């Protein structure tokens, strides 16, 4: 056991899923578009294939995207010759820019690519081996951070509480264990969480397809609700915490996350339900002052027109499909990272925790 582990926690029981596998020759990504009915890994043998998989949501979740991108750089390196890391960095820059453009809102993607750039520029003739070591480190550090966050976040929750989560923030979205879902796993194991609710998360249904499936693998009972039922659920008194992940956390504590998070935060504040954001420190972007500066990704309107490939909307209808929204810091009770808990986040508390 290391200092990131929760004492007495059975990780073999609650940490079974791995969405990203490096074989030494290729990157295997658990295809999250096909879950829960088909468990299948997509094989990527080039950085372009990794970028396409990130954009297509074959792999998703901010930490997992960053890990996949790091391996994408390793794959890109196979197509170039360079005498040292400086030369390799220059030749690999187009591939890294292509990877970064696949999902621009998630800061972990740019963060992981920056780590790969820094590694290259400090490497000599051994730059290929150093790239592999850095990709492995990004993945292993994420897993350790998730376990640490699970312990810290669960400690905030009173025994017997009900929690509501949104989108998917578990093993599927990370190197393993999960961020918000890691807190829920730890909280259930410690009898702090008595009931788990998951919103379906339209239009891609990550809650319905992924989160409740993940929890089922760990024998954790979860109740699925329509996104539009959340406020009514809070009014009933069934939940004491909303626990969500993040794709970017700004210098003032504003947080970008899956579309629908903002309205959950508003409803939570109205009903006296506490609101927790759980994300690794790599998701914190102190260079972005507030939520107004975040680029909000919009995806094809066609994603709104059906479910599971079956069209449910008449022809000729237009749709607006933002992927994320921004929750203001003043609606967040706690931000949990592996570095600690920031309660009632504001610029001063964020600077104290993460510097400038």
Protein backbone atom coordinates (compact mmCIF):
# COMPACT_ATOMS: atom_id res chain seq x y z
CA UNK A 1 0.00 0.00 0.00
CA UNK A 2 1.26 3.48 -0.78
CA UNK A 3 0.23 6.86 0.59
CA UNK A 4 -2.44 7.29 -2.10
CA UNK A 5 -4.36 4.20 -0.99
CA UNK A 6 -7.43 4.22 1.21
CA UNK A 7 -6.75 2.01 4.26
CA UNK A 8 -8.74 -1.20 4.10
CA UNK A 9 -10.03 -0.50 0.58
CA UNK A 10 -10.43 -3.50 -1.72
CA UNK A 11 -9.07 -2.12 -4.99
CA UNK A 12 -9.30 -5.56 -6.62
CA UNK A 13 -13.07 -5.33 -6.18
CA UNK A 14 -13.61 -1.68 -7.05
CA UNK A 15 -10.98 -1.09 -9.73
CA UNK A 16 -11.46 -3.71 -12.44
CA UNK A 17 -11.84 -1.73 -15.68
CA UNK A 18 -8.97 -0.44 -17.83
CA UNK A 19 -10.00 1.61 -20.89
CA UNK A 20 -6.46 2.14 -22.27
CA UNK A 21 -3.95 -0.63 -22.97
CA UNK A 22 -0.50 -0.20 -24.47
CA UNK A 23 0.71 -3.41 -26.08
CA UNK A 24 4.18 -2.22 -27.03
CA UNK A 25 3.10 -2.12 -30.67
CA UNK A 26 -0.28 -0.38 -30.60
CA UNK A 27 -2.73 1.49 -28.38
CA UNK A 28 -5.93 -0.38 -27.52
CA UNK A 29 -8.92 1.74 -26.50
CA UNK A 30 -12.07 0.28 -24.99
CA UNK A 31 -14.67 1.51 -27.49
CA UNK A 32 -17.10 3.42 -25.30
CA UNK A 33 -19.53 4.01 -28.16
CA UNK A 34 -20.42 0.30 -28.10
CA UNK A 35 -20.87 -0.16 -24.36
CA UNK A 36 -22.66 -1.61 -22.49
CA UNK A 37 -23.66 -4.37 -24.90
CA UNK A 38 -20.36 -4.86 -26.72
CA UNK A 39 -17.04 -4.83 -24.85
CA UNK A 40 -14.49 -4.30 -27.61
CA UNK A 41 -11.13 -2.59 -27.91
CA UNK A 42 -10.27 -0.43 -30.94
CA UNK A 43 -6.64 -0.71 -32.04
CA UNK A 44 -4.73 2.46 -32.96
CA UNK A 45 -1.42 2.15 -34.74
CA UNK A 46 -0.87 5.81 -35.62
CA UNK A 47 -1.31 9.20 -34.01
CA UNK A 48 -3.95 10.06 -36.60
CA UNK A 49 -5.97 7.04 -35.50
CA UNK A 50 -5.63 8.14 -31.86
CA UNK A 51 -6.81 11.67 -32.74
CA UNK A 52 -9.78 10.24 -34.64
CA UNK A 53 -10.65 7.99 -31.69
CA UNK A 54 -10.55 10.95 -29.30
CA UNK A 55 -12.77 13.05 -31.56
CA UNK A 56 -15.22 10.21 -32.16
CA UNK A 57 -15.57 9.51 -28.39
CA UNK A 58 -14.12 6.02 -28.71
CA UNK A 59 -12.13 7.19 -25.69
CA UNK A 60 -13.52 10.00 -23.56
CA UNK A 61 -13.08 11.65 -20.18
CA UNK A 62 -10.48 14.37 -19.68
CA UNK A 63 -7.78 12.25 -17.97
CA UNK A 64 -8.20 9.33 -20.39
CA UNK A 65 -7.96 11.68 -23.37
CA UNK A 66 -4.66 13.04 -22.05
CA UNK A 67 -3.26 9.54 -21.55
CA UNK A 68 -4.36 8.46 -25.02
CA UNK A 69 -2.78 11.56 -26.56
CA UNK A 70 0.53 10.82 -24.85
CA UNK A 71 0.57 7.37 -26.43
CA UNK A 72 -0.43 9.01 -29.71
CA UNK A 73 2.85 10.94 -29.60
CA UNK A 74 4.73 7.68 -29.04
CA UNK A 75 3.05 6.24 -32.12
CA UNK A 76 3.81 9.37 -34.15
CA UNK A 77 7.48 9.05 -33.21
CA UNK A 78 7.74 5.81 -35.16
CA UNK A 79 7.35 7.70 -38.41
CA UNK A 80 10.28 10.06 -37.97
CA UNK A 81 14.04 9.98 -37.66
CA UNK A 82 15.79 12.43 -35.35
CA UNK A 83 19.18 12.57 -33.71
CA UNK A 84 17.95 14.09 -30.47
CA UNK A 85 14.82 15.24 -28.67
CA UNK A 86 14.97 18.82 -29.94
CA UNK A 87 14.89 17.66 -33.54
CA UNK A 88 12.18 15.10 -32.75
CA UNK A 89 10.03 17.75 -31.05
CA UNK A 90 10.10 19.90 -34.18
CA UNK A 91 9.16 17.00 -36.42
CA UNK A 92 6.42 15.78 -34.08
CA UNK A 93 4.77 19.18 -33.59
CA UNK A 94 2.21 18.75 -36.44
CA UNK A 95 1.07 15.43 -34.95
CA UNK A 96 0.77 16.97 -31.49
CA UNK A 97 -1.26 19.88 -32.83
CA UNK A 98 -3.57 17.43 -34.59
CA UNK A 99 -4.05 15.51 -31.35
CA UNK A 100 -4.71 18.71 -29.40
CA UNK A 101 -7.41 19.81 -31.86
CA UNK A 102 -9.39 16.60 -31.37
CA UNK A 103 -11.08 17.85 -28.14
CA UNK A 104 -10.09 21.46 -27.37
CA UNK A 105 -12.02 22.00 -24.11
CA UNK A 106 -10.36 19.27 -22.03
CA UNK A 107 -7.21 20.84 -20.58
CA UNK A 108 -5.69 17.43 -19.78
CA UNK A 109 -5.13 16.92 -23.49
CA UNK A 110 -2.95 20.02 -23.85
CA UNK A 111 -1.32 19.28 -20.47
CA UNK A 112 -0.27 15.78 -21.50
CA UNK A 113 1.08 17.01 -24.84
CA UNK A 114 3.06 19.73 -23.05
CA UNK A 115 4.64 17.07 -20.85
CA UNK A 116 5.64 15.14 -23.95
CA UNK A 117 7.16 18.30 -25.50
CA UNK A 118 9.13 19.06 -22.34
CA UNK A 119 10.36 15.47 -22.22
CA UNK A 120 11.53 15.64 -25.81
CA UNK A 121 13.38 18.90 -25.36
CA UNK A 122 15.28 17.55 -22.37
CA UNK A 123 16.20 14.29 -24.13
CA UNK A 124 19.21 13.32 -26.17
CA UNK A 125 19.60 10.29 -28.37
CA UNK A 126 17.38 8.29 -25.99
CA UNK A 127 14.32 10.43 -26.79
CA UNK A 128 12.18 7.50 -27.98
CA UNK A 129 12.59 5.62 -24.70
CA UNK A 130 11.97 8.80 -22.73
CA UNK A 131 8.67 9.35 -24.57
CA UNK A 132 7.49 5.88 -23.59
CA UNK A 133 8.53 6.43 -19.98
CA UNK A 134 6.63 9.73 -19.85
CA UNK A 135 3.44 8.22 -21.28
CA UNK A 136 3.64 5.44 -18.69
CA UNK A 137 4.19 8.02 -15.94
CA UNK A 138 1.15 10.07 -17.01
CA UNK A 139 -1.03 6.96 -16.74
CA UNK A 140 0.36 5.69 -13.42
CA UNK A 141 0.22 9.14 -11.81
CA UNK A 142 -3.43 9.47 -12.84
CA UNK A 143 -4.35 6.18 -11.20
CA UNK A 144 -2.59 7.18 -7.98
CA UNK A 145 -4.28 10.59 -8.04
CA UNK A 146 -7.71 9.01 -8.46
CA UNK A 147 -7.23 6.80 -5.44
CA UNK A 148 -6.11 9.77 -3.38
CA UNK A 149 -9.11 11.85 -4.51
CA UNK A 150 -11.46 9.00 -3.69
CA UNK A 151 -10.25 9.06 -0.09
CA UNK A 152 -10.37 12.86 0.23
CA UNK A 153 -13.78 13.26 -1.37
CA UNK A 154 -15.45 10.42 0.51
CA UNK A 155 -14.34 11.97 3.80
CA UNK A 156 -16.58 14.98 3.09
CA UNK A 157 -19.73 12.85 2.84
CA UNK A 158 -21.76 12.02 5.95
CA UNK A 159 -22.57 8.32 6.44
CA UNK A 160 -25.75 7.17 4.76
CA UNK A 161 -25.89 10.01 2.21
CA UNK A 162 -27.46 9.86 -1.22
CA UNK A 163 -25.41 11.15 -4.14
CA UNK A 164 -26.19 12.12 -7.72
CA UNK A 165 -23.57 12.04 -10.46
CA UNK A 166 -23.55 13.17 -14.08
CA UNK A 167 -21.87 11.85 -17.24
CA UNK A 168 -19.16 9.25 -16.67
CA UNK A 169 -16.20 9.94 -14.42
CA UNK A 170 -15.08 6.43 -13.59
CA UNK A 171 -12.45 3.99 -14.76
CA UNK A 172 -13.65 4.49 -18.32
CA UNK A 173 -12.73 8.18 -18.18
CA UNK A 174 -9.35 7.78 -16.51
CA UNK A 175 -6.43 5.39 -16.08
CA UNK A 176 -8.62 3.55 -13.55
CA UNK A 177 -10.84 3.95 -10.46
CA UNK A 178 -12.18 7.33 -11.57
CA UNK A 179 -12.52 10.88 -10.29
CA UNK A 180 -16.08 11.60 -9.12
CA UNK A 181 -16.92 7.92 -9.48
CA UNK A 182 -13.79 7.14 -7.48
CA UNK A 183 -15.23 9.22 -4.63
CA UNK A 184 -18.48 7.28 -4.98
CA UNK A 185 -16.66 3.93 -4.99
CA UNK A 186 -14.72 4.89 -1.86
CA UNK A 187 -17.85 6.31 -0.22
CA UNK A 188 -19.86 3.15 -0.84
CA UNK A 189 -17.05 0.96 0.49
CA UNK A 190 -16.93 3.06 3.67
CA UNK A 191 -20.73 3.07 4.11
CA UNK A 192 -20.80 6.83 3.67
CA UNK A 193 -22.97 6.58 0.58
CA UNK A 194 -26.26 4.78 0.94
CA UNK A 195 -27.75 5.47 -2.47
CA UNK A 196 -26.30 6.38 -5.87
CA UNK A 197 -28.24 8.11 -8.64
CA UNK A 198 -26.92 8.70 -12.15
CA UNK A 199 -28.32 11.10 -14.73
CA UNK A 200 -28.63 9.66 -18.24
CA UNK A 201 -26.54 12.50 -19.80
CA UNK A 202 -27.98 13.28 -23.20
CA UNK A 203 -27.19 13.24 -26.08
CA UNK A 204 -24.52 10.52 -25.80
CA UNK A 205 -26.04 8.91 -22.69
CA UNK A 206 -22.73 8.44 -20.89
CA UNK A 207 -24.57 8.05 -17.58
CA UNK A 208 -27.02 5.51 -18.92
CA UNK A 209 -24.59 3.53 -21.05
CA UNK A 210 -21.39 3.81 -19.05
CA UNK A 211 -21.76 4.92 -15.42
CA UNK A 212 -24.45 2.51 -14.29
CA UNK A 213 -22.68 -0.29 -16.22
CA UNK A 214 -19.41 0.48 -14.45
CA UNK A 215 -21.08 0.45 -11.06
CA UNK A 216 -22.81 -2.81 -11.93
CA UNK A 217 -19.39 -4.39 -12.54
CA UNK A 218 -18.49 -3.53 -8.94
CA UNK A 219 -21.85 -4.71 -7.54
CA UNK A 220 -22.77 -1.13 -6.59
CA UNK A 221 -26.50 -0.54 -6.98
CA UNK A 222 -27.30 2.64 -8.90
CA UNK A 223 -30.58 4.20 -9.93
CA UNK A 224 -30.74 5.82 -13.36
CA UNK A 225 -32.79 8.99 -13.77
CA UNK A 226 -33.70 11.22 -16.70
CA UNK A 227 -31.61 14.39 -16.70
CA UNK A 228 -34.82 16.38 -16.33
CA UNK A 229 -35.73 14.53 -13.10
CA UNK A 230 -32.73 15.84 -11.14
CA UNK A 231 -34.36 18.85 -9.50
CA UNK A 232 -37.39 16.79 -8.49
CA UNK A 233 -35.05 14.19 -6.98
CA UNK A 234 -33.27 16.88 -4.96
CA UNK A 235 -36.59 18.26 -3.74
CA UNK A 236 -37.49 14.81 -2.42
CA UNK A 237 -34.52 14.88 -0.05
CA UNK A 238 -33.01 11.72 -1.53
CA UNK A 239 -29.60 13.24 -2.26
CA UNK A 240 -27.23 15.26 -0.10
CA UNK A 241 -24.39 15.65 -2.62
CA UNK A 242 -23.96 16.10 -6.36
CA UNK A 243 -20.53 14.71 -7.28
CA UNK A 244 -19.18 15.47 -10.77
CA UNK A 245 -15.92 15.58 -12.68
CA UNK A 246 -14.38 18.40 -14.70
CA UNK A 247 -12.75 19.03 -18.06
CA UNK A 248 -11.20 22.35 -17.05
CA UNK A 249 -11.00 24.26 -13.77
CA UNK A 250 -10.14 27.96 -14.04
CA UNK A 251 -8.00 30.15 -11.82
CA UNK A 252 -11.10 31.47 -10.02
CA UNK A 253 -12.66 28.01 -9.54
CA UNK A 254 -15.14 28.17 -12.44
CA UNK A 255 -15.45 24.68 -13.88
CA UNK A 256 -16.23 23.35 -17.34
CA UNK A 257 -17.85 19.94 -17.39
CA UNK A 258 -20.32 17.91 -19.43
CA UNK A 259 -23.36 19.87 -20.60
CA UNK A 260 -26.04 19.75 -17.92
CA UNK A 261 -23.67 20.21 -14.98
CA UNK A 262 -24.46 23.92 -14.60
CA UNK A 263 -28.17 23.32 -14.21
CA UNK A 264 -27.46 20.64 -11.60
CA UNK A 265 -25.40 23.15 -9.61
CA UNK A 266 -28.21 25.71 -9.74
CA UNK A 267 -30.77 23.14 -8.60
CA UNK A 268 -28.45 21.87 -5.87
CA UNK A 269 -27.96 25.34 -4.40
CA UNK A 270 -31.74 25.97 -4.42
CA UNK A 271 -32.44 22.70 -2.58
CA UNK A 272 -29.57 22.85 -0.08
CA UNK A 273 -27.70 19.96 -1.74
CA UNK A 274 -23.91 20.23 -1.67
CA UNK A 275 -21.92 20.23 -4.92
CA UNK A 276 -18.49 18.58 -5.32
CA UNK A 277 -16.13 18.74 -8.32
CA UNK A 278 -13.51 15.99 -8.46
CA UNK A 279 -10.59 16.18 -10.89
CA UNK A 280 -6.82 15.73 -10.92
CA UNK A 281 -4.65 18.82 -10.61
CA UNK A 282 -3.79 18.43 -14.31
CA UNK A 283 -7.36 19.65 -15.00
CA UNK A 284 -6.66 22.94 -13.20
CA UNK A 285 -5.70 25.67 -15.67
CA UNK A 286 -4.42 28.68 -13.76
CA UNK A 287 -3.69 30.41 -17.08
CA UNK A 288 -7.45 30.63 -17.77
CA UNK A 289 -8.81 33.34 -15.46
CA UNK A 290 -12.48 32.37 -15.48
CA UNK A 291 -15.15 30.45 -17.33
CA UNK A 292 -15.73 33.18 -19.91
CA UNK A 293 -12.31 32.38 -21.39
CA UNK A 294 -13.04 28.69 -21.99
CA UNK A 295 -13.62 27.52 -25.55
CA UNK A 296 -16.82 25.46 -25.45
CA UNK A 297 -16.74 22.64 -27.96
CA UNK A 298 -19.81 22.19 -30.13
CA UNK A 299 -20.45 18.94 -31.93
CA UNK A 300 -22.53 17.97 -34.95
CA UNK A 301 -26.22 18.74 -34.57
CA UNK A 302 -26.97 15.27 -35.96
CA UNK A 303 -26.09 13.82 -32.55
CA UNK A 304 -29.30 15.37 -31.25
CA UNK A 305 -31.57 13.76 -33.81
CA UNK A 306 -31.69 10.21 -32.54
CA UNK A 307 -30.76 7.63 -29.94
CA UNK A 308 -28.73 4.54 -30.71
CA UNK A 309 -28.81 5.23 -34.43
CA UNK A 310 -32.61 5.48 -34.51
CA UNK A 311 -33.86 8.89 -35.63
CA UNK A 312 -36.45 10.44 -33.33
CA UNK A 313 -36.66 13.94 -34.81
CA UNK A 314 -38.44 15.07 -37.96
CA UNK A 315 -36.37 16.04 -40.99
CA UNK A 316 -35.59 19.73 -41.41
CA UNK A 317 -35.19 20.49 -37.68
CA UNK A 318 -32.11 22.42 -36.50
CA UNK A 319 -30.29 21.72 -33.24
CA UNK A 320 -27.66 23.29 -30.99
CA UNK A 321 -25.21 20.82 -29.45
CA UNK A 322 -22.68 22.32 -26.99
CA UNK A 323 -20.73 19.56 -25.26
CA UNK A 324 -19.82 21.44 -22.07
CA UNK A 325 -21.09 24.20 -19.85
CA UNK A 326 -19.43 26.24 -17.11
CA UNK A 327 -20.41 26.11 -13.45
CA UNK A 328 -19.47 29.32 -11.59
CA UNK A 329 -17.24 28.85 -8.58
CA UNK A 330 -19.81 30.32 -6.21
CA UNK A 331 -22.07 27.31 -6.86
CA UNK A 332 -19.32 24.81 -5.93
CA UNK A 333 -18.93 23.68 -2.32
CA UNK A 334 -15.70 21.76 -2.80
CA UNK A 335 -13.11 21.06 -5.46
CA UNK A 336 -11.21 17.85 -4.75
CA UNK A 337 -7.85 17.11 -6.37
CA UNK A 338 -5.07 14.77 -5.29
CA UNK A 339 -3.39 17.84 -3.76
CA UNK A 340 -6.25 18.44 -1.34
CA UNK A 341 -9.71 19.90 -0.92
CA UNK A 342 -10.55 23.51 -1.80
CA UNK A 343 -13.81 24.42 -0.08
CA UNK A 344 -15.79 27.36 -1.45
CA UNK A 345 -13.24 28.00 -4.22
CA UNK A 346 -12.26 31.54 -5.14
CA UNK A 347 -9.13 33.09 -6.74
CA UNK A 348 -7.23 33.34 -3.45
CA UNK A 349 -7.91 29.73 -2.43
CA UNK A 350 -7.03 28.50 -5.92
CA UNK A 351 -3.72 30.42 -5.87
CA UNK A 352 -2.90 29.03 -2.43
CA UNK A 353 -3.42 25.49 -3.71
CA UNK A 354 -1.99 25.71 -7.23
CA UNK A 355 0.17 28.83 -7.48
CA UNK A 356 -0.21 31.27 -10.36
